[in-house]
All heavy atoms as atom14 arrays in JSON, in Angstrom:
{
  "sequence": "AGGIGTRFWPLSTAHRPKQVLALVNERPLIADT",
  "atom14_mask": [
    [1, 1, 1, 1, 1, 0, 0, 0, 0, 0, 0, 0, 0, 0],
    [1, 1, 1, 1, 0, 0, 0, 0, 0, 0, 0, 0, 0, 0],
    [1, 1, 1, 1, 0, 0, 0, 0, 0, 0, 0, 0, 0, 0],
    [1, 1, 1, 1, 1, 1, 1, 1, 0, 0, 0, 0, 0, 0],
    [1, 1, 1, 1, 0, 0, 0, 0, 0, 0, 0, 0, 0, 0],
    [1, 1, 1, 1, 1, 1, 1, 0, 0, 0, 0, 0, 0, 0],
    [1, 1, 1, 1, 1, 1, 1, 1, 1, 1, 1, 0, 0, 0],
    [1, 1, 1, 1, 1, 1, 1, 1, 1, 1, 1, 0, 0, 0],
    [1, 1, 1, 1, 1, 1, 1, 1, 1, 1, 1, 1, 1, 1],
    [1, 1, 1, 1, 1, 1, 1, 0, 0, 0, 0, 0, 0, 0],
    [1, 1, 1, 1, 1, 1, 1, 1, 0, 0, 0, 0, 0, 0],
    [1, 1, 1, 1, 1, 1, 0, 0, 0, 0, 0, 0, 0, 0],
    [1, 1, 1, 1, 1, 1, 1, 0, 0, 0, 0, 0, 0, 0],
    [1, 1, 1, 1, 1, 0, 0, 0, 0, 0, 0, 0, 0, 0],
    [1, 1, 1, 1, 1, 1, 1, 1, 1, 1, 0, 0, 0, 0],
    [1, 1, 1, 1, 1, 1, 1, 1, 1, 1, 1, 0, 0, 0],
    [1, 1, 1, 1, 1, 1, 1, 0, 0, 0, 0, 0, 0, 0],
    [1, 1, 1, 1, 1, 1, 1, 1, 1, 0, 0, 0, 0, 0],
    [1, 1, 1, 1, 1, 1, 1, 1, 1, 0, 0, 0, 0, 0],
    [1, 1, 1, 1, 1, 1, 1, 0, 0, 0, 0, 0, 0, 0],
    [1, 1, 1, 1, 1, 1, 1, 1, 0, 0, 0, 0, 0, 0],
    [1, 1, 1, 1, 1, 0, 0, 0, 0, 0, 0, 0, 0, 0],
    [1, 1, 1, 1, 1, 1, 1, 1, 0, 0, 0, 0, 0, 0],
    [1, 1, 1, 1, 1, 1, 1, 0, 0, 0, 0, 0, 0, 0],
    [1, 1, 1, 1, 1, 1, 1, 1, 0, 0, 0, 0, 0, 0],
    [1, 1, 1, 1, 1, 1, 1, 1, 1, 0, 0, 0, 0, 0],
    [1, 1, 1, 1, 1, 1, 1, 1, 1, 1, 1, 0, 0, 0],
    [1, 1, 1, 1, 1, 1, 1, 0, 0, 0, 0, 0, 0, 0],
    [1, 1, 1, 1, 1, 1, 1, 1, 0, 0, 0, 0, 0, 0],
    [1, 1, 1, 1, 1, 1, 1, 1, 0, 0, 0, 0, 0, 0],
    [1, 1, 1, 1, 1, 0, 0, 0, 0, 0, 0, 0, 0, 0],
    [1, 1, 1, 1, 1, 1, 1, 1, 0, 0, 0, 0, 0, 0],
    [1, 1, 1, 1, 1, 1, 1, 0, 0, 0, 0, 0, 0, 0]
  ],
  "atom14_positions": [
    [[-8.51, -34.03, -43.86], [-7.24, -34.65, -44.24], [-6.17, -34.36, -43.23], [-5.03, -34.04, -43.56], [-6.83, -34.19, -45.63], [0.0, 0.0, 0.0], [0.0, 0.0, 0.0], [0.0, 0.0, 0.0], [0.0, 0.0, 0.0], [0.0, 0.0, 0.0], [0.0, 0.0, 0.0], [0.0, 0.0, 0.0], [0.0, 0.0, 0.0], [0.0, 0.0, 0.0]],
    [[-6.54, -34.42, -41.96], [-5.55, -34.23, -40.91], [-4.98, -35.57, -40.49], [-5.04, -36.56, -41.2], [0.0, 0.0, 0.0], [0.0, 0.0, 0.0], [0.0, 0.0, 0.0], [0.0, 0.0, 0.0], [0.0, 0.0, 0.0], [0.0, 0.0, 0.0], [0.0, 0.0, 0.0], [0.0, 0.0, 0.0], [0.0, 0.0, 0.0], [0.0, 0.0, 0.0]],
    [[-4.42, -35.57, -39.33], [-3.83, -36.82, -38.81], [-2.35, -36.71, -38.66], [-1.72, -35.81, -39.23], [0.0, 0.0, 0.0], [0.0, 0.0, 0.0], [0.0, 0.0, 0.0], [0.0, 0.0, 0.0], [0.0, 0.0, 0.0], [0.0, 0.0, 0.0], [0.0, 0.0, 0.0], [0.0, 0.0, 0.0], [0.0, 0.0, 0.0], [0.0, 0.0, 0.0]],
    [[-1.81, -37.64, -37.89], [-0.38, -37.55, -37.58], [0.45, -38.69, -38.18], [1.61, -38.84, -37.89], [-0.15, -37.49, -36.05], [-0.79, -38.7, -35.36], [-0.66, -36.18, -35.48], [-0.49, -38.8, -33.9], [0.0, 0.0, 0.0], [0.0, 0.0, 0.0], [0.0, 0.0, 0.0], [0.0, 0.0, 0.0], [0.0, 0.0, 0.0], [0.0, 0.0, 0.0]],
    [[-0.16, -39.47, -39.07], [0.59, -40.46, -39.81], [0.99, -41.71, -39.07], [1.98, -42.33, -39.42], [0.0, 0.0, 0.0], [0.0, 0.0, 0.0], [0.0, 0.0, 0.0], [0.0, 0.0, 0.0], [0.0, 0.0, 0.0], [0.0, 0.0, 0.0], [0.0, 0.0, 0.0], [0.0, 0.0, 0.0], [0.0, 0.0, 0.0], [0.0, 0.0, 0.0]],
    [[0.24, -42.08, -38.03], [0.63, -43.28, -37.25], [-0.19, -44.51, -37.55], [0.24, -45.62, -37.28], [0.52, -42.98, -35.73], [-0.81, -42.58, -35.46], [1.5, -41.87, -35.34], [0.0, 0.0, 0.0], [0.0, 0.0, 0.0], [0.0, 0.0, 0.0], [0.0, 0.0, 0.0], [0.0, 0.0, 0.0], [0.0, 0.0, 0.0], [0.0, 0.0, 0.0]],
    [[-1.36, -44.34, -38.13], [-2.26, -45.49, -38.3], [-1.73, -46.56, -39.23], [-1.93, -47.74, -38.99], [-3.64, -45.03, -38.79], [-4.67, -46.16, -38.74], [-6.07, -45.66, -38.87], [-6.4, -44.77, -37.77], [-7.34, -43.84, -37.81], [-8.0, -43.65, -38.9], [-7.55, -43.08, -36.79], [0.0, 0.0, 0.0], [0.0, 0.0, 0.0], [0.0, 0.0, 0.0]],
    [[-1.02, -46.19, -40.27], [-0.48, -47.16, -41.22], [1.04, -47.21, -41.17], [1.68, -47.58, -42.15], [-0.97, -46.86, -42.65], [-2.36, -47.33, -42.9], [-3.44, -46.52, -42.58], [-2.6, -48.56, -43.45], [-4.74, -46.93, -42.8], [-3.9, -49.0, -43.69], [-4.96, -48.18, -43.37], [0.0, 0.0, 0.0], [0.0, 0.0, 0.0], [0.0, 0.0, 0.0]],
    [[1.63, -46.87, -40.04], [3.06, -46.92, -39.91], [3.5, -48.36, -40.11], [2.83, -49.28, -39.67], [3.47, -46.4, -38.51], [4.95, -46.35, -38.37], [5.75, -45.29, -38.68], [5.81, -47.38, -37.88], [7.06, -45.62, -38.41], [7.13, -46.89, -37.91], [5.6, -48.67, -37.44], [8.23, -47.65, -37.54], [6.7, -49.43, -37.06], [7.99, -48.92, -37.1]],
    [[4.59, -48.62, -40.82], [5.6, -47.68, -41.32], [5.32, -47.1, -42.69], [6.1, -46.31, -43.19], [6.87, -48.51, -41.34], [6.41, -49.87, -41.69], [5.05, -50.02, -41.02], [0.0, 0.0, 0.0], [0.0, 0.0, 0.0], [0.0, 0.0, 0.0], [0.0, 0.0, 0.0], [0.0, 0.0, 0.0], [0.0, 0.0, 0.0], [0.0, 0.0, 0.0]],
    [[4.19, -47.53, -43.36], [3.88, -46.95, -44.65], [3.6, -45.46, -44.55], [4.05, -44.67, -45.39], [2.67, -47.65, -45.27], [2.86, -49.08, -45.73], [1.52, -49.64, -46.22], [3.89, -49.16, -46.84], [0.0, 0.0, 0.0], [0.0, 0.0, 0.0], [0.0, 0.0, 0.0], [0.0, 0.0, 0.0], [0.0, 0.0, 0.0], [0.0, 0.0, 0.0]],
    [[2.84, -45.07, -43.57], [2.53, -43.64, -43.39], [3.37, -43.07, -42.24], [3.69, -43.79, -41.29], [1.06, -43.41, -43.13], [0.68, -43.95, -41.87], [0.0, 0.0, 0.0], [0.0, 0.0, 0.0], [0.0, 0.0, 0.0], [0.0, 0.0, 0.0], [0.0, 0.0, 0.0], [0.0, 0.0, 0.0], [0.0, 0.0, 0.0], [0.0, 0.0, 0.0]],
    [[3.74, -41.82, -42.42], [4.53, -41.11, -41.41], [3.94, -39.73, -41.26], [3.02, -39.36, -41.97], [6.0, -41.0, -41.84], [6.06, -40.17, -43.02], [6.63, -42.35, -42.12], [0.0, 0.0, 0.0], [0.0, 0.0, 0.0], [0.0, 0.0, 0.0], [0.0, 0.0, 0.0], [0.0, 0.0, 0.0], [0.0, 0.0, 0.0], [0.0, 0.0, 0.0]],
    [[4.52, -38.95, -40.35], [4.03, -37.59, -40.16], [4.14, -36.74, -41.42], [3.33, -35.85, -41.65], [4.79, -36.94, -39.0], [0.0, 0.0, 0.0], [0.0, 0.0, 0.0], [0.0, 0.0, 0.0], [0.0, 0.0, 0.0], [0.0, 0.0, 0.0], [0.0, 0.0, 0.0], [0.0, 0.0, 0.0], [0.0, 0.0, 0.0], [0.0, 0.0, 0.0]],
    [[5.12, -37.04, -42.26], [5.31, -36.24, -43.49], [4.76, -36.95, -44.73], [4.75, -36.4, -45.82], [6.79, -35.92, -43.68], [7.3, -35.03, -42.59], [6.96, -33.72, -42.47], [8.1, -35.3, -41.54], [7.53, -33.2, -41.41], [8.21, -34.13, -40.81], [0.0, 0.0, 0.0], [0.0, 0.0, 0.0], [0.0, 0.0, 0.0], [0.0, 0.0, 0.0]],
    [[4.32, -38.18, -44.57], [3.69, -38.94, -45.66], [2.48, -39.66, -45.08], [2.5, -40.87, -44.86], [4.69, -39.92, -46.26], [4.19, -40.61, -47.49], [5.34, -41.44, -48.12], [4.84, -42.54, -48.87], [4.27, -42.49, -50.08], [4.13, -41.33, -50.64], [3.87, -43.56, -50.69], [0.0, 0.0, 0.0], [0.0, 0.0, 0.0], [0.0, 0.0, 0.0]],
    [[1.41, -38.92, -44.81], [0.22, -39.5, -44.17], [-0.52, -40.46, -45.1], [-0.31, -40.42, -46.33], [-0.63, -38.29, -43.82], [-0.26, -37.28, -44.87], [1.21, -37.51, -45.13], [0.0, 0.0, 0.0], [0.0, 0.0, 0.0], [0.0, 0.0, 0.0], [0.0, 0.0, 0.0], [0.0, 0.0, 0.0], [0.0, 0.0, 0.0], [0.0, 0.0, 0.0]],
    [[-1.39, -41.26, -44.54], [-2.09, -42.26, -45.35], [-2.91, -41.63, -46.49], [-3.13, -42.26, -47.5], [-2.98, -43.12, -44.48], [-4.13, -42.4, -43.85], [-4.94, -43.32, -42.99], [-6.03, -42.5, -42.35], [-6.46, -42.94, -41.11], [0.0, 0.0, 0.0], [0.0, 0.0, 0.0], [0.0, 0.0, 0.0], [0.0, 0.0, 0.0], [0.0, 0.0, 0.0]],
    [[-3.33, -40.39, -46.36], [-4.14, -39.75, -47.41], [-3.38, -39.65, -48.72], [-3.98, -39.55, -49.79], [-4.56, -38.33, -47.01], [-5.38, -38.28, -45.76], [-4.55, -38.03, -44.52], [-3.5, -38.57, -44.34], [-5.07, -37.19, -43.64], [0.0, 0.0, 0.0], [0.0, 0.0, 0.0], [0.0, 0.0, 0.0], [0.0, 0.0, 0.0], [0.0, 0.0, 0.0]],
    [[-2.06, -39.65, -48.7], [-1.28, -39.55, -49.94], [-0.71, -40.9, -50.36], [0.03, -41.01, -51.36], [-0.16, -38.5, -49.86], [-0.73, -37.11, -49.64], [0.86, -38.84, -48.81], [0.0, 0.0, 0.0], [0.0, 0.0, 0.0], [0.0, 0.0, 0.0], [0.0, 0.0, 0.0], [0.0, 0.0, 0.0], [0.0, 0.0, 0.0], [0.0, 0.0, 0.0]],
    [[-1.06, -41.96, -49.64], [-0.63, -43.29, -50.05], [-1.57, -43.86, -51.09], [-2.76, -43.62, -51.06], [-0.6, -44.24, -48.82], [0.37, -43.89, -47.71], [0.25, -44.88, -46.55], [1.81, -43.82, -48.2], [0.0, 0.0, 0.0], [0.0, 0.0, 0.0], [0.0, 0.0, 0.0], [0.0, 0.0, 0.0], [0.0, 0.0, 0.0], [0.0, 0.0, 0.0]],
    [[-1.04, -44.64, -52.0], [-1.81, -45.31, -53.04], [-2.09, -46.74, -52.54], [-1.4, -47.68, -52.92], [-1.07, -45.34, -54.36], [0.0, 0.0, 0.0], [0.0, 0.0, 0.0], [0.0, 0.0, 0.0], [0.0, 0.0, 0.0], [0.0, 0.0, 0.0], [0.0, 0.0, 0.0], [0.0, 0.0, 0.0], [0.0, 0.0, 0.0], [0.0, 0.0, 0.0]],
    [[-3.06, -46.87, -51.67], [-3.36, -48.17, -51.05], [-4.34, -49.02, -51.84], [-4.38, -50.23, -51.7], [-3.89, -47.97, -49.64], [-2.94, -47.31, -48.65], [-3.65, -47.08, -47.32], [-1.66, -48.1, -48.48], [0.0, 0.0, 0.0], [0.0, 0.0, 0.0], [0.0, 0.0, 0.0], [0.0, 0.0, 0.0], [0.0, 0.0, 0.0], [0.0, 0.0, 0.0]],
    [[-5.17, -48.38, -52.68], [-6.2, -49.1, -53.42], [-5.84, -49.26, -54.88], [-6.08, -50.31, -55.48], [-7.56, -48.37, -53.28], [-8.65, -49.08, -54.09], [-7.94, -48.25, -51.83], [0.0, 0.0, 0.0], [0.0, 0.0, 0.0], [0.0, 0.0, 0.0], [0.0, 0.0, 0.0], [0.0, 0.0, 0.0], [0.0, 0.0, 0.0], [0.0, 0.0, 0.0]],
    [[-5.26, -48.25, -55.48], [-4.83, -48.28, -56.89], [-3.61, -47.4, -57.01], [-2.91, -47.17, -56.01], [-6.0, -47.84, -57.8], [-6.57, -46.5, -57.37], [-5.84, -45.57, -57.07], [-7.89, -46.41, -57.32], [0.0, 0.0, 0.0], [0.0, 0.0, 0.0], [0.0, 0.0, 0.0], [0.0, 0.0, 0.0], [0.0, 0.0, 0.0], [0.0, 0.0, 0.0]],
    [[-3.37, -46.87, -58.18], [-2.13, -46.08, -58.39], [-2.26, -44.64, -57.91], [-1.27, -43.91, -57.92], [-1.73, -46.12, -59.87], [-2.63, -45.32, -60.81], [-3.97, -46.01, -61.17], [-4.17, -47.19, -60.83], [-4.82, -45.34, -61.77], [0.0, 0.0, 0.0], [0.0, 0.0, 0.0], [0.0, 0.0, 0.0], [0.0, 0.0, 0.0], [0.0, 0.0, 0.0]],
    [[-3.44, -44.2, -57.52], [-3.64, -42.83, -57.06], [-3.66, -42.73, -55.52], [-4.11, -43.67, -54.86], [-5.0, -42.3, -57.57], [-5.03, -42.03, -59.05], [-6.4, -41.46, -59.49], [-7.5, -42.33, -59.09], [-7.94, -43.36, -59.8], [-7.37, -43.66, -60.95], [-8.95, -44.1, -59.4], [0.0, 0.0, 0.0], [0.0, 0.0, 0.0], [0.0, 0.0, 0.0]],
    [[-3.22, -41.61, -55.01], [-3.28, -41.39, -53.56], [-4.76, -41.44, -53.12], [-5.68, -41.08, -53.89], [-2.73, -40.0, -53.33], [-1.89, -39.73, -54.55], [-2.54, -40.49, -55.67], [0.0, 0.0, 0.0], [0.0, 0.0, 0.0], [0.0, 0.0, 0.0], [0.0, 0.0, 0.0], [0.0, 0.0, 0.0], [0.0, 0.0, 0.0], [0.0, 0.0, 0.0]],
    [[-5.02, -41.82, -51.88], [-6.38, -41.91, -51.36], [-7.14, -40.6, -51.53], [-8.3, -40.59, -51.92], [-6.37, -42.35, -49.89], [-5.88, -43.79, -49.64], [-5.8, -44.02, -48.14], [-6.77, -44.8, -50.29], [0.0, 0.0, 0.0], [0.0, 0.0, 0.0], [0.0, 0.0, 0.0], [0.0, 0.0, 0.0], [0.0, 0.0, 0.0], [0.0, 0.0, 0.0]],
    [[-6.47, -39.49, -51.24], [-7.17, -38.18, -51.36], [-7.54, -37.86, -52.81], [-8.58, -37.3, -53.07], [-6.39, -37.02, -50.71], [-7.29, -35.8, -50.61], [-5.09, -36.74, -51.45], [-6.84, -34.73, -49.69], [0.0, 0.0, 0.0], [0.0, 0.0, 0.0], [0.0, 0.0, 0.0], [0.0, 0.0, 0.0], [0.0, 0.0, 0.0], [0.0, 0.0, 0.0]],
    [[-6.7, -38.28, -53.75], [-7.02, -38.07, -55.16], [-8.26, -38.9, -55.56], [-9.09, -38.43, -56.32], [-5.82, -38.43, -56.04], [0.0, 0.0, 0.0], [0.0, 0.0, 0.0], [0.0, 0.0, 0.0], [0.0, 0.0, 0.0], [0.0, 0.0, 0.0], [0.0, 0.0, 0.0], [0.0, 0.0, 0.0], [0.0, 0.0, 0.0], [0.0, 0.0, 0.0]],
    [[-8.33, -40.13, -55.04], [-9.53, -40.93, -55.29], [-10.78, -40.27, -54.72], [-11.84, -40.27, -55.34], [-9.38, -42.33, -54.66], [-8.64, -43.3, -55.54], [-8.42, -43.0, -56.73], [-8.27, -44.36, -55.02], [0.0, 0.0, 0.0], [0.0, 0.0, 0.0], [0.0, 0.0, 0.0], [0.0, 0.0, 0.0], [0.0, 0.0, 0.0], [0.0, 0.0, 0.0]],
    [[-10.65, -39.7, -53.52], [-11.79, -39.03, -52.89], [-12.27, -37.87, -53.75], [-13.47, -37.71, -54.0], [-11.42, -38.55, -51.47], [-11.06, -39.7, -50.71], [-12.55, -37.82, -50.8], [0.0, 0.0, 0.0], [0.0, 0.0, 0.0], [0.0, 0.0, 0.0], [0.0, 0.0, 0.0], [0.0, 0.0, 0.0], [0.0, 0.0, 0.0], [0.0, 0.0, 0.0]]
  ]
}
């Protein structure tokens, strides 16, 4: 769960990486994992 938050910019940032975004449903990606 590393990364620098640039792949889904502007949705993801260094302090809000894609792992905590709810891109598929209402849960963050890491919670789904």
